[in-house]
N, C-alpha and C. Protein backbone atom coordinates (compact mmCIF):
# COMPACT_ATOMS: atom_id res chain seq x y z
N MET A 1 13.39 -1.85 -12.20
CA MET A 1 13.04 -1.37 -10.85
C MET A 1 12.11 -2.33 -10.05
N SER A 2 12.43 -2.43 -8.72
CA SER A 2 11.92 -3.18 -8.06
C SER A 2 10.67 -2.62 -7.23
N LEU A 3 9.61 -3.32 -6.92
CA LEU A 3 8.55 -2.82 -6.13
C LEU A 3 8.52 -3.37 -4.79
N LYS A 4 9.62 -4.03 -4.51
CA LYS A 4 9.83 -4.77 -3.31
C LYS A 4 10.46 -3.88 -2.22
N PRO A 5 9.84 -3.63 -0.91
CA PRO A 5 10.52 -2.62 -0.21
C PRO A 5 11.87 -3.17 0.41
N GLU A 6 11.99 -4.49 0.38
CA GLU A 6 13.32 -4.93 1.01
C GLU A 6 14.50 -4.76 0.15
N ASP A 7 14.14 -4.32 -1.28
CA ASP A 7 15.07 -4.06 -2.19
C ASP A 7 15.76 -2.66 -2.09
N TYR A 8 15.22 -1.67 -1.23
CA TYR A 8 15.58 -0.46 -1.15
C TYR A 8 16.24 -0.26 0.17
N LEU A 9 17.61 0.18 0.08
CA LEU A 9 18.26 0.68 1.29
C LEU A 9 18.48 2.05 1.29
N PHE A 10 18.34 2.76 2.68
CA PHE A 10 18.63 4.06 2.86
C PHE A 10 19.78 4.27 3.57
N GLU A 11 20.71 5.13 3.23
CA GLU A 11 21.78 5.49 4.18
C GLU A 11 21.39 6.28 5.39
N ARG A 12 20.09 6.96 5.30
CA ARG A 12 19.64 7.65 6.60
C ARG A 12 18.09 7.34 6.67
N PRO A 13 17.71 6.17 6.92
CA PRO A 13 16.32 5.88 7.23
C PRO A 13 15.54 6.89 7.99
N GLU A 14 16.25 7.62 8.93
CA GLU A 14 15.39 8.39 9.76
C GLU A 14 14.92 9.73 8.88
N LEU A 15 15.33 10.05 7.79
CA LEU A 15 14.94 11.02 6.97
C LEU A 15 13.65 10.51 6.01
N LEU A 16 13.26 9.33 5.79
CA LEU A 16 12.11 8.72 5.40
C LEU A 16 11.05 9.05 6.42
N ILE A 17 10.08 9.90 6.16
CA ILE A 17 9.09 10.34 7.12
C ILE A 17 7.56 9.88 6.65
N GLY A 18 7.38 9.31 5.49
CA GLY A 18 6.15 9.01 5.07
C GLY A 18 6.15 8.40 3.58
N GLY A 19 4.94 8.37 3.16
CA GLY A 19 4.75 7.75 1.84
C GLY A 19 3.33 8.19 1.20
N GLN A 20 2.93 7.78 0.13
CA GLN A 20 1.96 8.21 -0.54
C GLN A 20 1.33 6.92 -1.42
N ALA A 21 -0.04 6.72 -1.49
CA ALA A 21 -0.63 5.79 -2.47
C ALA A 21 -1.35 6.78 -3.63
N ASN A 22 -0.64 6.70 -4.71
CA ASN A 22 -1.42 7.64 -5.76
C ASN A 22 -2.56 6.82 -6.54
N VAL A 23 -3.51 7.63 -6.70
CA VAL A 23 -4.62 7.10 -7.66
C VAL A 23 -4.98 8.01 -8.58
N TRP A 24 -4.92 7.86 -9.83
CA TRP A 24 -5.18 8.82 -10.65
C TRP A 24 -6.84 8.56 -11.22
N THR A 25 -7.80 9.58 -10.96
CA THR A 25 -8.85 9.40 -11.22
C THR A 25 -9.82 9.84 -12.28
N GLU A 26 -9.09 10.16 -13.33
CA GLU A 26 -9.58 10.75 -14.48
C GLU A 26 -10.57 9.85 -15.28
N HIS A 27 -10.20 8.34 -15.19
CA HIS A 27 -10.97 7.40 -15.77
C HIS A 27 -12.05 6.52 -14.72
N MET A 28 -12.31 7.19 -13.57
CA MET A 28 -12.93 6.67 -12.73
C MET A 28 -14.39 7.49 -12.35
N PRO A 29 -15.39 7.13 -13.05
CA PRO A 29 -16.73 7.86 -12.88
C PRO A 29 -17.41 8.29 -11.71
N ASP A 30 -17.07 7.32 -10.67
CA ASP A 30 -17.64 7.65 -9.34
C ASP A 30 -16.94 7.13 -8.17
N PHE A 31 -17.08 7.62 -7.10
CA PHE A 31 -16.40 7.32 -5.71
C PHE A 31 -16.25 5.84 -5.48
N THR A 32 -17.16 5.00 -5.89
CA THR A 32 -17.15 3.62 -5.55
C THR A 32 -16.06 2.95 -6.13
N ILE A 33 -15.83 3.36 -7.46
CA ILE A 33 -14.52 2.77 -8.10
C ILE A 33 -13.18 3.46 -7.58
N VAL A 34 -13.19 4.56 -7.24
CA VAL A 34 -12.10 4.99 -6.56
C VAL A 34 -11.72 4.31 -5.30
N LYS A 35 -12.77 4.07 -4.26
CA LYS A 35 -12.41 3.34 -3.04
C LYS A 35 -12.01 1.79 -3.45
N LYS A 36 -12.65 1.32 -4.43
CA LYS A 36 -12.15 0.03 -4.93
C LYS A 36 -10.72 -0.02 -5.19
N MET A 37 -10.03 1.02 -5.86
CA MET A 37 -8.67 1.13 -6.35
C MET A 37 -7.82 1.65 -5.26
N LEU A 38 -8.45 2.63 -4.31
CA LEU A 38 -7.34 3.21 -3.55
C LEU A 38 -7.23 2.30 -2.23
N PHE A 39 -8.27 1.91 -1.55
CA PHE A 39 -8.11 1.25 -0.24
C PHE A 39 -7.20 0.03 -0.24
N PRO A 40 -7.27 -0.85 -1.34
CA PRO A 40 -5.99 -2.03 -1.18
C PRO A 40 -4.69 -1.35 -0.96
N ARG A 41 -4.48 -0.18 -1.72
CA ARG A 41 -3.02 0.45 -1.68
C ARG A 41 -2.85 0.96 -0.28
N VAL A 42 -3.89 1.63 0.22
CA VAL A 42 -3.79 2.33 1.63
C VAL A 42 -3.55 1.31 2.58
N TYR A 43 -4.19 0.17 2.60
CA TYR A 43 -4.01 -1.03 3.63
C TYR A 43 -2.57 -1.53 3.56
N ALA A 44 -2.26 -1.66 2.23
CA ALA A 44 -0.83 -2.32 2.01
C ALA A 44 0.43 -1.36 2.68
N MET A 45 0.05 -0.11 2.13
CA MET A 45 1.19 0.80 2.60
C MET A 45 0.97 1.21 4.28
N ALA A 46 -0.22 0.97 4.87
CA ALA A 46 -0.35 1.07 6.25
C ALA A 46 0.35 -0.05 6.96
N GLU A 47 0.21 -1.36 6.42
CA GLU A 47 0.86 -2.40 6.96
C GLU A 47 2.48 -2.29 7.07
N ILE A 48 3.04 -1.89 5.75
CA ILE A 48 4.26 -1.55 5.70
C ILE A 48 4.91 -0.57 6.70
N PHE A 49 4.05 0.54 6.81
CA PHE A 49 4.41 1.67 7.83
C PHE A 49 4.32 1.09 9.12
N TRP A 50 3.27 0.52 9.37
CA TRP A 50 3.22 0.08 10.90
C TRP A 50 4.02 -0.91 11.40
N ASN A 51 4.40 -1.92 10.58
CA ASN A 51 5.11 -3.14 10.89
C ASN A 51 6.66 -2.86 10.33
N GLY A 52 6.94 -2.00 9.57
CA GLY A 52 8.23 -1.75 9.17
C GLY A 52 8.68 -2.54 8.07
N ARG A 53 7.61 -3.64 7.61
CA ARG A 53 8.07 -4.43 6.53
C ARG A 53 6.71 -4.93 5.71
N ALA A 54 6.84 -5.50 4.65
CA ALA A 54 5.61 -5.84 4.00
C ALA A 54 5.30 -7.38 4.37
N HIS A 55 4.07 -7.76 4.53
CA HIS A 55 3.46 -9.05 4.80
C HIS A 55 3.98 -10.00 3.71
N SER A 56 4.70 -11.21 4.03
CA SER A 56 5.39 -11.92 2.90
C SER A 56 4.12 -12.86 2.38
N ASP A 57 3.00 -13.22 2.95
CA ASP A 57 2.06 -14.12 2.71
C ASP A 57 0.81 -13.33 2.00
N LEU A 58 0.94 -13.23 0.73
CA LEU A 58 -0.06 -12.47 -0.07
C LEU A 58 -1.49 -13.00 0.13
N PRO A 59 -1.87 -14.27 -0.01
CA PRO A 59 -3.22 -14.81 0.29
C PRO A 59 -3.68 -14.29 1.55
N ALA A 60 -2.86 -14.36 2.59
CA ALA A 60 -3.20 -13.91 3.93
C ALA A 60 -3.60 -12.60 3.97
N ARG A 61 -2.95 -11.80 3.37
CA ARG A 61 -2.92 -10.33 3.18
C ARG A 61 -4.35 -10.12 2.55
N ILE A 62 -4.65 -10.65 1.59
CA ILE A 62 -5.81 -10.55 0.80
C ILE A 62 -7.01 -10.95 1.82
N SER A 63 -6.91 -12.06 2.22
CA SER A 63 -8.03 -12.56 2.97
C SER A 63 -8.45 -11.49 4.24
N ASN A 64 -7.40 -10.81 4.72
CA ASN A 64 -7.42 -9.81 5.81
C ASN A 64 -8.49 -8.76 5.34
N LEU A 65 -8.37 -8.43 4.11
CA LEU A 65 -9.16 -7.29 3.55
C LEU A 65 -10.68 -7.71 3.31
N ASP A 66 -10.96 -8.81 3.38
CA ASP A 66 -12.38 -9.33 3.05
C ASP A 66 -13.35 -8.43 3.62
N GLY A 67 -13.41 -8.15 4.92
CA GLY A 67 -14.17 -7.54 5.75
C GLY A 67 -14.41 -6.00 5.47
N TYR A 68 -13.25 -5.44 4.72
CA TYR A 68 -13.27 -3.93 4.43
C TYR A 68 -13.73 -3.59 2.82
N LEU A 69 -13.47 -4.56 2.16
CA LEU A 69 -13.67 -4.02 0.77
C LEU A 69 -15.07 -4.53 0.29
């Protein structure tokens, strides 16, 4: 199973209307930890949905998050 969006082709992409970034919180005792785990996922998903593709330069993507995390 691939986690790269470019590996998935949809016959009818107009039917794909959204996505989700799951975080299971049963082992996270406070919201600070939840935020630390959730927001990198949310930013990555937002980038894909906004631009239509994932950013290929991972170090640049991580440096863009410095002010937010």
